[in-house]
Protein backbone atom coordinates (compact mmCIF):
# COMPACT_ATOMS: atom_id res chain seq x y z
CA MET A 1 107.86 147.40 89.81
CA LYS A 2 105.88 147.18 86.56
CA SER A 3 106.85 143.54 86.11
CA SER A 4 105.70 142.64 89.64
CA ILE A 5 102.30 144.26 89.02
CA LYS A 6 101.99 142.37 85.73
CA LEU A 7 102.95 139.18 87.51
CA ILE A 8 100.29 139.74 90.19
CA ILE A 9 97.62 140.45 87.55
CA PHE A 10 98.67 137.34 85.62
CA ALA A 11 98.46 135.21 88.78
CA LEU A 12 94.99 136.52 89.62
CA VAL A 13 93.68 135.92 86.08
CA PHE A 14 95.28 132.48 85.89
CA GLY A 15 93.90 131.53 89.30
CA SER A 16 90.37 132.59 88.41
CA ILE A 17 90.50 130.67 85.11
CA THR A 18 91.67 127.44 86.75
CA GLY A 19 89.11 127.85 89.53
CA SER A 20 86.33 128.18 86.96
CA ALA A 21 87.56 125.12 85.09
CA GLN A 22 87.62 123.06 88.28
CA THR A 23 84.06 124.13 89.07
CA VAL A 24 82.84 123.05 85.62
CA VAL A 25 84.56 119.68 85.91
CA ALA A 26 83.12 119.16 89.40
CA ARG A 27 79.59 119.88 88.15
CA GLU A 28 79.92 117.41 85.29
CA THR A 29 81.42 114.65 87.43
CA LYS A 30 78.66 112.91 89.35
CA GLN A 31 79.09 110.21 91.91
CA TYR A 32 76.88 107.18 91.36
CA THR A 33 76.02 104.92 94.23
CA PRO A 34 74.28 101.57 94.17
CA LEU A 35 70.64 101.36 95.16
CA VAL A 36 70.24 101.28 98.91
CA ALA A 37 67.15 101.63 101.05
CA SER A 38 66.66 105.39 100.60
CA SER A 39 67.46 105.61 96.90
CA GLY A 40 65.57 102.37 96.24
CA VAL A 41 62.35 104.06 97.34
CA GLU A 42 63.08 107.02 95.05
CA PHE A 43 63.79 104.64 92.17
CA SER A 44 60.55 102.73 92.77
CA ASN A 45 58.61 105.99 92.79
CA PHE A 46 60.28 107.07 89.55
CA MET A 47 59.52 103.76 87.86
CA ASN A 48 55.91 103.74 89.09
CA LYS A 49 55.36 107.24 87.69
CA LYS A 50 57.44 107.25 84.51
CA ALA A 51 57.60 103.58 83.48
CA LYS A 52 54.22 102.12 84.48
CA LYS A 53 53.86 100.35 81.15
CA PHE A 54 57.27 98.68 81.49
CA ILE A 55 56.47 97.51 85.02
CA SER A 56 53.10 96.10 83.99
CA GLN A 57 54.54 94.32 80.93
CA ASN A 58 57.66 93.08 82.74
CA ASP A 59 56.21 92.40 86.15
CA THR A 60 58.50 89.42 86.73
CA ASP A 61 61.65 91.42 85.96
CA TRP A 62 60.56 94.23 88.24
CA ARG A 63 59.65 91.87 91.10
CA ILE A 64 62.96 89.98 90.86
CA PHE A 65 65.01 93.17 90.74
CA THR A 66 63.25 94.85 93.68
CA ALA A 67 63.22 91.63 95.73
CA VAL A 68 67.00 91.21 95.43
CA VAL A 69 67.68 94.89 96.21
CA ASP A 70 65.35 94.68 99.23
CA LEU A 71 67.09 91.49 100.36
CA TYR A 72 70.45 93.25 100.10
CA ASN A 73 69.15 96.09 102.28
CA ASN A 74 67.31 93.95 104.84
CA SER A 75 68.98 90.54 105.10
CA THR A 76 72.66 90.16 104.36
CA VAL A 77 72.60 86.42 105.02
CA GLY A 78 69.66 85.91 102.67
CA PHE A 79 71.38 88.02 100.02
CA TYR A 80 74.63 86.02 100.23
CA SER A 81 72.83 82.69 100.07
CA LEU A 82 70.76 83.32 96.93
CA ASP A 83 70.70 80.51 94.37
CA GLU A 84 72.68 80.85 91.17
CA SER A 85 69.44 80.79 89.15
CA VAL A 86 68.01 83.73 91.12
CA ARG A 87 71.26 85.62 90.61
CA ASN A 88 71.13 85.01 86.87
CA ASP A 89 67.48 86.12 86.80
CA PHE A 90 68.50 89.28 88.68
CA PHE A 91 71.24 90.09 86.17
CA ALA A 92 68.89 89.50 83.24
CA SER A 93 66.23 91.68 84.86
CA SER A 94 68.67 94.47 85.60
CA GLU A 95 69.88 94.43 81.98
CA ARG A 96 66.30 94.77 80.69
CA ILE A 97 65.56 97.57 83.18
CA THR A 98 68.77 99.37 82.20
CA ALA A 99 67.92 99.04 78.51
CA LYS A 100 64.44 100.44 79.13
CA LEU A 101 65.79 103.38 81.13
CA ASN A 102 68.43 104.15 78.50
CA GLY A 103 65.68 104.14 75.87
CA MET A 104 63.70 106.83 77.66
CA ARG A 105 64.19 110.49 76.70
CA LYS A 106 64.48 111.99 80.16
CA SER A 107 67.96 112.59 81.55
CA GLU A 108 66.74 111.39 84.96
CA ALA A 109 66.03 107.98 83.41
CA LYS A 110 69.57 107.78 82.08
CA GLU A 111 70.91 108.62 85.55
CA TRP A 112 68.81 105.81 87.05
CA ALA A 113 70.08 103.46 84.31
CA LYS A 114 73.66 104.14 85.44
CA THR A 115 72.64 103.49 89.05
CA VAL A 116 70.96 100.18 88.13
CA LYS A 117 74.05 99.14 86.17
CA LEU A 118 76.30 100.03 89.11
CA THR A 119 74.06 98.12 91.52
CA SER A 120 74.23 95.06 89.30
CA SER A 121 78.03 95.36 89.10
CA VAL A 122 78.37 95.70 92.87
CA PHE A 123 76.17 92.65 93.48
CA LYS A 124 78.16 90.63 90.93
CA PHE A 125 81.39 91.62 92.67
CA ILE A 126 80.01 90.63 96.08
CA TRP A 127 78.75 87.26 94.87
CA ASP A 128 81.92 86.50 92.90
CA ASN A 129 84.12 87.24 95.90
CA LYS A 130 81.93 85.54 98.48
CA ALA A 131 84.07 82.40 98.37
CA ASN A 132 87.17 84.41 99.24
CA ALA A 133 85.52 85.76 102.39
CA LEU A 134 84.59 82.40 103.86
CA PRO A 135 86.86 81.06 106.58
CA VAL A 136 89.14 78.26 105.54
CA ASN A 137 89.14 75.16 107.69
CA GLU A 138 92.76 74.32 108.17
CA GLU A 139 94.13 71.69 110.43
CA ILE A 140 96.94 73.00 112.53
CA ILE A 141 99.29 70.53 114.14
CA VAL A 142 100.95 71.82 117.25
CA PRO A 143 104.11 69.97 118.21
CA ALA A 144 104.09 68.45 121.64
CA LEU A 145 106.49 70.06 124.06
CA ASN A 146 108.57 67.72 126.13
CA PRO A 147 109.84 69.49 129.16
CA VAL A 148 113.51 68.81 129.61
CA ALA A 149 114.66 68.55 133.19
CA GLN A 150 117.26 71.12 133.87
CA GLN A 151 120.23 69.96 135.86
CA SER A 152 122.10 72.29 138.03
CA ILE A 153 125.82 72.41 137.53
């Protein structure tokens, strides 16, 4: 009887400890998503408030980055058909924006830096695999069927 009570107490204590540990891990593990229409507006607001100097000094980088993200959200065909030079400019711009955000002291800036990096990675993946998604023009030769007259026996 004493051992079963001790076992129940041990199970309750062990269960509460593992539950607490799972809660801590869940709080520290954040899910990052690429910039889409809703978060893109939040990111623009953050940059306009907290990084005005960067935007004014790097106007070209900011315009290229936001234009490509907007194109992704609004026109899939336009996004897929971007020139290689525009893509390279986008990647360079996103690297400079990420570096600026990582250099800021606020933790929110570092979170946005991870989001910008993820967005850049997702776009690179899409563009690199675009060729695999295109239909392949294959010529299919269908053999001609010659009907054979059946003879009754």
